[in-house]
C-alpha atoms as a PDB file:
ATOM      1  CA  UNK A   1       0.199  -0.435  -0.040  1.00  0.00           C
ATOM      2  CA  UNK A   2       1.512   3.314  -1.186  1.00  0.00           C
ATOM      3  CA  UNK A   3       1.570   5.983   1.462  1.00  0.00           C
ATOM      4  CA  UNK A   4      -0.981   8.095   0.074  1.00  0.00           C
ATOM      5  CA  UNK A   5      -2.996   5.346   0.435  1.00  0.00           C
ATOM      6  CA  UNK A   6      -2.693   4.942   3.675  1.00  0.00           C
ATOM      7  CA  UNK A   7      -3.281   8.489   4.134  1.00  0.00           C
ATOM      8  CA  UNK A   8      -6.448   8.266   2.470  1.00  0.00           C
ATOM      9  CA  UNK A   9      -7.352   5.011   4.384  1.00  0.00           C
ATOM     10  CA  UNK A  10      -6.798   7.637   7.944  1.00  0.00           C
ATOM     11  CA  UNK A  11      -8.402  10.498   6.094  1.00  0.00           C
ATOM     12  CA  UNK A  12     -11.544   9.202   4.836  1.00  0.00           C
ATOM     13  CA  UNK A  13     -13.001   7.807   7.811  1.00  0.00           C
ATOM     14  CA  UNK A  14     -12.819  11.682   9.775  1.00  0.00           C
ATOM     15  CA  UNK A  15     -14.164  13.306   7.186  1.00  0.00           C
ATOM     16  CA  UNK A  16     -17.195  12.939   8.849  1.00  0.00           C
ATOM     17  CA  UNK A  17     -16.086  15.030  11.870  1.00  0.00           C
ATOM     18  CA  UNK A  18     -14.997  17.973   9.283  1.00  0.00           C
ATOM     19  CA  UNK A  19     -18.819  17.493   7.981  1.00  0.00           C
ATOM     20  CA  UNK A  20     -20.266  18.085  11.446  1.00  0.00           C
ATOM     21  CA  UNK A  21     -17.587  20.709  12.200  1.00  0.00           C
ATOM     22  CA  UNK A  22     -19.126  22.586   8.992  1.00  0.00           C
ATOM     23  CA  UNK A  23     -22.513  22.306   9.894  1.00  0.00           C
ATOM     24  CA  UNK A  24     -21.868  23.400  13.615  1.00  0.00           C
ATOM     25  CA  UNK A  25     -20.243  26.243  12.298  1.00  0.00           C
ATOM     26  CA  UNK A  26     -22.955  27.427   9.778  1.00  0.00           C
ATOM     27  CA  UNK A  27     -25.925  25.927  11.062  1.00  0.00           C
ATOM     28  CA  UNK A  28     -25.634  28.542  13.843  1.00  0.00           C
ATOM     29  CA  UNK A  29     -28.996  29.310  16.598  1.00  0.00           C
ATOM     30  CA  UNK A  30     -30.026  32.540  17.363  1.00  0.00           C
ATOM     31  CA  UNK A  31     -27.803  32.779  20.795  1.00  0.00           C
ATOM     32  CA  UNK A  32     -24.982  31.740  18.645  1.00  0.00           C
ATOM     33  CA  UNK A  33     -25.163  34.906  16.208  1.00  0.00           C
ATOM     34  CA  UNK A  34     -24.366  36.867  19.149  1.00  0.00           C
ATOM     35  CA  UNK A  35     -21.043  35.551  19.158  1.00  0.00           C
ATOM     36  CA  UNK A  36     -18.145  36.606  16.525  1.00  0.00           C
ATOM     37  CA  UNK A  37     -16.714  34.546  14.201  1.00  0.00           C
ATOM     38  CA  UNK A  38     -13.775  33.161  16.662  1.00  0.00           C
ATOM     39  CA  UNK A  39     -16.301  32.056  19.229  1.00  0.00           C
ATOM     40  CA  UNK A  40     -18.687  30.626  16.673  1.00  0.00           C
ATOM     41  CA  UNK A  41     -15.226  28.185  15.490  1.00  0.00           C
ATOM     42  CA  UNK A  42     -14.401  27.774  18.754  1.00  0.00           C
ATOM     43  CA  UNK A  43     -17.855  26.379  20.138  1.00  0.00           C
ATOM     44  CA  UNK A  44     -18.004  24.347  16.664  1.00  0.00           C
ATOM     45  CA  UNK A  45     -14.590  22.683  17.474  1.00  0.00           C
ATOM     46  CA  UNK A  46     -15.424  22.338  20.646  1.00  0.00           C
ATOM     47  CA  UNK A  47     -18.980  20.347  19.511  1.00  0.00           C
ATOM     48  CA  UNK A  48     -17.044  17.934  17.198  1.00  0.00           C
ATOM     49  CA  UNK A  49     -14.201  17.219  19.467  1.00  0.00           C
ATOM     50  CA  UNK A  50     -16.695  16.309  22.088  1.00  0.00           C
ATOM     51  CA  UNK A  51     -18.505  13.879  19.673  1.00  0.00           C
ATOM     52  CA  UNK A  52     -15.462  12.518  17.522  1.00  0.00           C
ATOM     53  CA  UNK A  53     -11.992  13.449  19.913  1.00  0.00           C
ATOM     54  CA  UNK A  54      -9.786  10.884  18.052  1.00  0.00           C
ATOM     55  CA  UNK A  55     -10.766  11.532  14.155  1.00  0.00           C
ATOM     56  CA  UNK A  56     -10.319  15.776  15.239  1.00  0.00           C
ATOM     57  CA  UNK A  57      -7.202  15.258  16.704  1.00  0.00           C
ATOM     58  CA  UNK A  58      -6.037  13.411  13.795  1.00  0.00           C
ATOM     59  CA  UNK A  59      -6.983  15.995  11.411  1.00  0.00           C
ATOM     60  CA  UNK A  60      -6.092  18.591  13.523  1.00  0.00           C
ATOM     61  CA  UNK A  61      -2.266  17.387  13.774  1.00  0.00           C
ATOM     62  CA  UNK A  62      -1.960  16.522  10.291  1.00  0.00           C
ATOM     63  CA  UNK A  63      -2.876  19.997   9.407  1.00  0.00           C
ATOM     64  CA  UNK A  64      -0.529  21.350  11.785  1.00  0.00           C
ATOM     65  CA  UNK A  65       2.257  19.614  10.795  1.00  0.00           C
ATOM     66  CA  UNK A  66       1.225  20.276   6.975  1.00  0.00           C
ATOM     67  CA  UNK A  67       1.505  24.074   8.255  1.00  0.00           C
ATOM     68  CA  UNK A  68       5.070  23.934   9.879  1.00  0.00           C
ATOM     69  CA  UNK A  69       6.076  21.443   7.230  1.00  0.00           C
ATOM     70  CA  UNK A  70       4.882  24.217   4.571  1.00  0.00           C
ATOM     71  CA  UNK A  71       7.037  27.199   6.450  1.00  0.00           C
ATOM     72  CA  UNK A  72      10.004  25.002   6.420  1.00  0.00           C
ATOM     73  CA  UNK A  73       9.969  24.571   2.690  1.00  0.00           C
ATOM     74  CA  UNK A  74       9.231  28.147   1.902  1.00  0.00           C
ATOM     75  CA  UNK A  75      12.536  28.764   4.171  1.00  0.00           C
ATOM     76  CA  UNK A  76      14.246  26.193   2.024  1.00  0.00           C
ATOM     77  CA  UNK A  77      12.780  27.330  -1.162  1.00  0.00           C
ATOM     78  CA  UNK A  78      11.337  24.268  -2.292  1.00  0.00           C
ATOM     79  CA  UNK A  79       8.090  22.315  -2.364  1.00  0.00           C
ATOM     80  CA  UNK A  80       7.366  18.221  -2.464  1.00  0.00           C
ATOM     81  CA  UNK A  81       4.048  17.410  -2.653  1.00  0.00           C
ATOM     82  CA  UNK A  82       5.668  13.845  -1.465  1.00  0.00           C
ATOM     83  CA  UNK A  83       7.055  14.857   1.720  1.00  0.00           C
ATOM     84  CA  UNK A  84       3.315  17.294   2.431  1.00  0.00           C
ATOM     85  CA  UNK A  85       1.985  13.421   2.094  1.00  0.00           C
ATOM     86  CA  UNK A  86       4.786  12.331   4.530  1.00  0.00           C
ATOM     87  CA  UNK A  87       4.167  15.368   6.853  1.00  0.00           C
ATOM     88  CA  UNK A  88       0.682  14.369   6.759  1.00  0.00           C
ATOM     89  CA  UNK A  89       0.848  10.945   7.832  1.00  0.00           C
ATOM     90  CA  UNK A  90       2.959  11.842  10.477  1.00  0.00           C
ATOM     91  CA  UNK A  91       0.312  14.510  11.851  1.00  0.00           C
ATOM     92  CA  UNK A  92      -2.616  11.707  11.484  1.00  0.00           C
ATOM     93  CA  UNK A  93      -0.754   9.478  13.999  1.00  0.00           C
ATOM     94  CA  UNK A  94       0.462  12.236  16.302  1.00  0.00           C
ATOM     95  CA  UNK A  95      -2.921  13.340  16.949  1.00  0.00           C
ATOM     96  CA  UNK A  96      -3.956   9.407  17.527  1.00  0.00           C
ATOM     97  CA  UNK A  97      -0.717   8.784  20.171  1.00  0.00           C
ATOM     98  CA  UNK A  98      -0.881  12.277  21.919  1.00  0.00           C
ATOM     99  CA  UNK A  99      -4.818  11.163  22.147  1.00  0.00           C
ATOM    100  CA  UNK A 100      -3.924   8.027  24.869  1.00  0.00           C
ATOM    101  CA  UNK A 101      -0.837   9.060  26.141  1.00  0.00           C
ATOM    102  CA  UNK A 102      -2.331  12.375  27.534  1.00  0.00           C
ATOM    103  CA  UNK A 103      -5.455  10.086  28.440  1.00  0.00           C
ATOM    104  CA  UNK A 104      -2.882   7.848  30.470  1.00  0.00           C
ATOM    105  CA  UNK A 105      -1.038  10.576  32.119  1.00  0.00           C
ATOM    106  CA  UNK A 106      -4.519  12.005  33.391  1.00  0.00           C
ATOM    107  CA  UNK A 107      -5.454   8.655  34.980  1.00  0.00           C
ATOM    108  CA  UNK A 108      -1.740   8.279  36.900  1.00  0.00           C
ATOM    109  CA  UNK A 109      -1.575  12.468  38.058  1.00  0.00           C
ATOM    110  CA  UNK A 110      -5.847  12.811  38.015  1.00  0.00           C
ATOM    111  CA  UNK A 111      -6.567  16.398  38.321  1.00  0.00           C
ATOM    112  CA  UNK A 112      -8.127  16.927  41.412  1.00  0.00           C
ATOM    113  CA  UNK A 113      -4.999  15.679  42.973  1.00  0.00           C
ATOM    114  CA  UNK A 114      -2.886  18.254  41.178  1.00  0.00           C
ATOM    115  CA  UNK A 115       0.269  19.277  43.393  1.00  0.00           C
ATOM    116  CA  UNK A 116       2.161  22.585  42.067  1.00  0.00           C
ATOM    117  CA  UNK A 117       5.375  19.754  40.787  1.00  0.00           C
ATOM    118  CA  UNK A 118       2.714  17.649  39.190  1.00  0.00           C
ATOM    119  CA  UNK A 119       2.694  19.189  35.746  1.00  0.00           C
ATOM    120  CA  UNK A 120       6.672  18.783  35.686  1.00  0.00           C
ATOM    121  CA  UNK A 121       5.650  14.950  35.864  1.00  0.00           C
ATOM    122  CA  UNK A 122       3.780  15.232  32.772  1.00  0.00           C
ATOM    123  CA  UNK A 123       6.166  17.587  30.441  1.00  0.00           C
ATOM    124  CA  UNK A 124       9.032  15.201  31.668  1.00  0.00           C
ATOM    125  CA  UNK A 125       7.357  12.003  30.354  1.00  0.00           C
ATOM    126  CA  UNK A 126       6.597  14.393  27.343  1.00  0.00           C
ATOM    127  CA  UNK A 127       9.814  15.716  26.478  1.00  0.00           C
ATOM    128  CA  UNK A 128      11.908  12.269  27.277  1.00  0.00           C
ATOM    129  CA  UNK A 129       9.708   9.970  25.795  1.00  0.00           C
ATOM    130  CA  UNK A 130       7.004  10.977  23.651  1.00  0.00           C
ATOM    131  CA  UNK A 131       9.026  13.711  21.655  1.00  0.00           C
ATOM    132  CA  UNK A 132      11.950  11.909  20.991  1.00  0.00           C
ATOM    133  CA  UNK A 133       9.873   9.079  19.674  1.00  0.00           C
ATOM    134  CA  UNK A 134       7.754  11.523  17.317  1.00  0.00           C
ATOM    135  CA  UNK A 135      10.864  13.162  16.161  1.00  0.00           C
ATOM    136  CA  UNK A 136      12.623   9.333  14.861  1.00  0.00           C
ATOM    137  CA  UNK A 137       8.862   8.997  13.728  1.00  0.00           C
ATOM    138  CA  UNK A 138       9.022  12.178  11.713  1.00  0.00           C
ATOM    139  CA  UNK A 139      12.811  11.674  10.202  1.00  0.00           C
ATOM    140  CA  UNK A 140      11.752   7.635   9.338  1.00  0.00           C
ATOM    141  CA  UNK A 141       8.422   8.698   7.411  1.00  0.00           C
ATOM    142  CA  UNK A 142      10.042  11.556   5.415  1.00  0.00           C
ATOM    143  CA  UNK A 143      12.984   9.791   4.318  1.00  0.00           C
ATOM    144  CA  UNK A 144      15.105  12.425   6.211  1.00  0.00           C
ATOM    145  CA  UNK A 145      18.652  11.519   6.835  1.00  0.00           C
ATOM    146  CA  UNK A 146      19.414   9.713  10.175  1.00  0.00           C
ATOM    147  CA  UNK A 147      22.951  11.930  10.442  1.00  0.00           C
ATOM    148  CA  UNK A 148      20.264  14.621  11.142  1.00  0.00           C
ATOM    149  CA  UNK A 149      18.689  12.981  14.126  1.00  0.00           C
ATOM    150  CA  UNK A 150      20.571  14.423  17.438  1.00  0.00           C
ATOM    151  CA  UNK A 151      20.939  17.755  15.486  1.00  0.00           C
ATOM    152  CA  UNK A 152      16.601  17.579  15.096  1.00  0.00           C
ATOM    153  CA  UNK A 153      16.252  16.591  18.618  1.00  0.00           C
ATOM    154  CA  UNK A 154      17.967  19.972  19.831  1.00  0.00           C
ATOM    155  CA  UNK A 155      15.918  21.727  17.353  1.00  0.00           C
ATOM    156  CA  UNK A 156      13.295  19.902  19.181  1.00  0.00           C
ATOM    157  CA  UNK A 157      14.415  20.654  22.627  1.00  0.00           C
ATOM    158  CA  UNK A 158      15.000  24.517  22.013  1.00  0.00           C
ATOM    159  CA  UNK A 159      11.468  24.826  21.077  1.00  0.00           C
ATOM    160  CA  UNK A 160      10.206  22.849  24.249  1.00  0.00           C
ATOM    161  CA  UNK A 161      12.321  25.222  26.446  1.00  0.00           C
ATOM    162  CA  UNK A 162      10.852  28.401  25.004  1.00  0.00           C
ATOM    163  CA  UNK A 163       6.988  27.267  25.285  1.00  0.00           C
ATOM    164  CA  UNK A 164       7.375  25.775  29.022  1.00  0.00           C
ATOM    165  CA  UNK A 165       5.547  28.088  30.746  1.00  0.00           C
ATOM    166  CA  UNK A 166       2.350  27.565  28.226  1.00  0.00           C
ATOM    167  CA  UNK A 167       3.174  23.664  28.605  1.00  0.00           C
ATOM    168  CA  UNK A 168       2.722  23.999  32.628  1.00  0.00           C
ATOM    169  CA  UNK A 169      -0.449  25.960  32.329  1.00  0.00           C
ATOM    170  CA  UNK A 170      -1.904  23.435  29.916  1.00  0.00           C
ATOM    171  CA  UNK A 171      -1.015  20.780  31.818  1.00  0.00           C
ATOM    172  CA  UNK A 172      -2.010  22.376  35.372  1.00  0.00           C
ATOM    173  CA  UNK A 173      -5.063  23.750  34.509  1.00  0.00           C
ATOM    174  CA  UNK A 174      -6.604  22.822  31.049  1.00  0.00           C
ATOM    175  CA  UNK A 175      -8.858  19.512  30.882  1.00  0.00           C
ATOM    176  CA  UNK A 176      -7.326  16.708  29.109  1.00  0.00           C
ATOM    177  CA  UNK A 177      -9.893  16.789  26.598  1.00  0.00           C
ATOM    178  CA  UNK A 178      -8.284  20.203  25.753  1.00  0.00           C
ATOM    179  CA  UNK A 179      -4.863  19.904  26.007  1.00  0.00           C
ATOM    180  CA  UNK A 180      -3.870  18.158  22.512  1.00  0.00           C
ATOM    181  CA  UNK A 181      -5.143  20.900  20.621  1.00  0.00           C
ATOM    182  CA  UNK A 182      -2.905  23.401  22.720  1.00  0.00           C
ATOM    183  CA  UNK A 183       0.140  21.203  21.933  1.00  0.00           C
ATOM    184  CA  UNK A 184      -1.231  21.816  18.330  1.00  0.00           C
ATOM    185  CA  UNK A 185      -1.107  25.688  18.119  1.00  0.00           C
ATOM    186  CA  UNK A 186       2.989  24.796  19.951  1.00  0.00           C
ATOM    187  CA  UNK A 187       3.993  22.479  16.735  1.00  0.00           C
ATOM    188  CA  UNK A 188       2.859  24.899  14.218  1.00  0.00           C
ATOM    189  CA  UNK A 189       6.195  26.375  15.320  1.00  0.00           C
ATOM    190  CA  UNK A 190       7.752  22.837  16.424  1.00  0.00           C
ATOM    191  CA  UNK A 191       6.546  21.189  13.212  1.00  0.00           C
ATOM    192  CA  UNK A 192       8.516  23.926  10.861  1.00  0.00           C
ATOM    193  CA  UNK A 193      11.644  23.532  13.295  1.00  0.00           C
ATOM    194  CA  UNK A 194      11.987  19.825  13.067  1.00  0.00           C
ATOM    195  CA  UNK A 195      11.347  19.800   9.263  1.00  0.00           C
ATOM    196  CA  UNK A 196      13.472  22.263   8.256  1.00  0.00           C
ATOM    197  CA  UNK A 197      16.181  20.807  10.681  1.00  0.00           C
ATOM    198  CA  UNK A 198      15.441  16.951   9.462  1.00  0.00           C
ATOM    199  CA  UNK A 199      15.777  17.869   5.835  1.00  0.00           C
ATOM    200  CA  UNK A 200      19.088  20.011   6.144  1.00  0.00           C
ATOM    201  CA  UNK A 201      21.559  18.463   4.040  1.00  0.00           C
ATOM    202  CA  UNK A 202      25.145  17.883   5.273  1.00  0.00           C
ATOM    203  CA  UNK A 203      28.142  19.818   3.036  1.00  0.00           C
ATOM    204  CA  UNK A 204      25.404  22.236   2.065  1.00  0.00           C
ATOM    205  CA  UNK A 205      27.280  24.920   4.165  1.00  0.00           C
ATOM    206  CA  UNK A 206      31.130  23.377   3.013  1.00  0.00           C
ATOM    207  CA  UNK A 207      29.597  24.361  -0.606  1.00  0.00           C
ATOM    208  CA  UNK A 208      28.056  27.625  -0.088  1.00  0.00           C
ATOM    209  CA  UNK A 209      31.522  28.501   1.790  1.00  0.00           C
ATOM    210  CA  UNK A 210      33.821  26.498  -1.022  1.00  0.00           C
ATOM    211  CA  UNK A 211      31.601  28.791  -4.060  1.00  0.00           C
ATOM    212  CA  UNK A 212      32.081  32.012  -2.217  1.00  0.00           C
ATOM    213  CA  UNK A 213      35.660  31.267  -2.092  1.00  0.00           C
ATOM    214  CA  UNK A 214      35.854  30.289  -5.907  1.00  0.00           C
ATOM    215  CA  UNK A 215      33.929  33.772  -6.266  1.00  0.00           C
ATOM    216  CA  UNK A 216      36.456  35.634  -4.753  1.00  0.00           C
ATOM    217  CA  UNK A 217      39.087  33.861  -6.415  1.00  0.00           C
ATOM    218  CA  UNK A 218      37.693  34.608 -10.040  1.00  0.00           C
ATOM    219  CA  UNK A 219      37.338  38.014  -8.840  1.00  0.00           C
ATOM    220  CA  UNK A 220      40.693  38.893  -7.764  1.00  0.00           C
ATOM    221  CA  UNK A 221      41.923  36.915 -11.244  1.00  0.00           C
ATOM    222  CA  UNK A 222      39.829  39.821 -13.291  1.00  0.00           C
ATOM    223  CA  UNK A 223      41.396  42.201 -10.999  1.00  0.00           C
ATOM    224  CA  UNK A 224      44.710  41.303 -11.933  1.00  0.00           C
ATOM    225  CA  UNK A 225      44.073  40.709 -15.619  1.00  0.00           C
ATOM    226  CA  UNK A 226      42.614  44.357 -15.144  1.00  0.00           C
ATOM    227  CA  UNK A 227      45.623  45.883 -14.581  1.00  0.00           C
ATOM    228  CA  UNK A 228      47.633  44.187 -16.402  1.00  0.00           C
ATOM    229  CA  UNK A 229      45.580  44.984 -19.402  1.00  0.00           C
ATOM    230  CA  UNK A 230      45.765  48.968 -17.840  1.00  0.00           C
ATOM    231  CA  UNK A 231      50.138  48.474 -17.745  1.00  0.00           C
ATOM    232  CA  UNK A 232      49.863  47.208 -21.495  1.00  0.00           C
ATOM    233  CA  UNK A 233      47.892  50.095 -22.368  1.00  0.00           C
ATOM    234  CA  UNK A 234      50.169  52.807 -20.771  1.00  0.00           C
ATOM    235  CA  UNK A 235      52.898  51.023 -22.127  1.00  0.00           C
ATOM    236  CA  UNK A 236      51.425  51.049 -25.410  1.00  0.00           C
ATOM    237  CA  UNK A 237      50.919  54.397 -25.153  1.00  0.00           C
ATOM    238  CA  UNK A 238      54.495  55.565 -24.536  1.00  0.00           C
END
């Protein structure tokens, strides 16, 4: 089975959640008309999330990773439809995994017994176990170079450290149903950083430096030729 077939196989059962979201967004009652567009969007997403939690998180994860990868490809100045399908498939799997992992964590550390240090346990599990596994899956599914795994882990941890307060508040106060959505918001930047780092080619920097050196050599040669021609012209005039 090809990658596109796998993506369609996972996406097709989730289309009903997209249809329900569209219905919730368009068919609003008089009470909903008092809300602005963003509020109605949040209500529609919440209704779909309650009815189809896994499917909604799968589609959200796929859209988020594709958006992040598109940012990375724009920076690289390239576009690959194959890579887009690969990232979409990875995002679908990420949505499933995060749904179950956060549900298990919530049972181990239930919210009513939360102490101030408990969210750090969630973050520790997320960063020590889940994140390296996600990076490995991303590298494997997108045909990246495994030599880029540890640099990509470093890029991932940089984003994780910069968003540590958001993660703490997410695990501390947010119900488990909405945690994946908050992580998805962070993952737009995370996916861009991971995708960009994973698809960097070894030796590209050295090649660019070598090209600059060759350019300077060529300019020096042209300058010396110009000086010789000027001297020859001066001698000829004499």
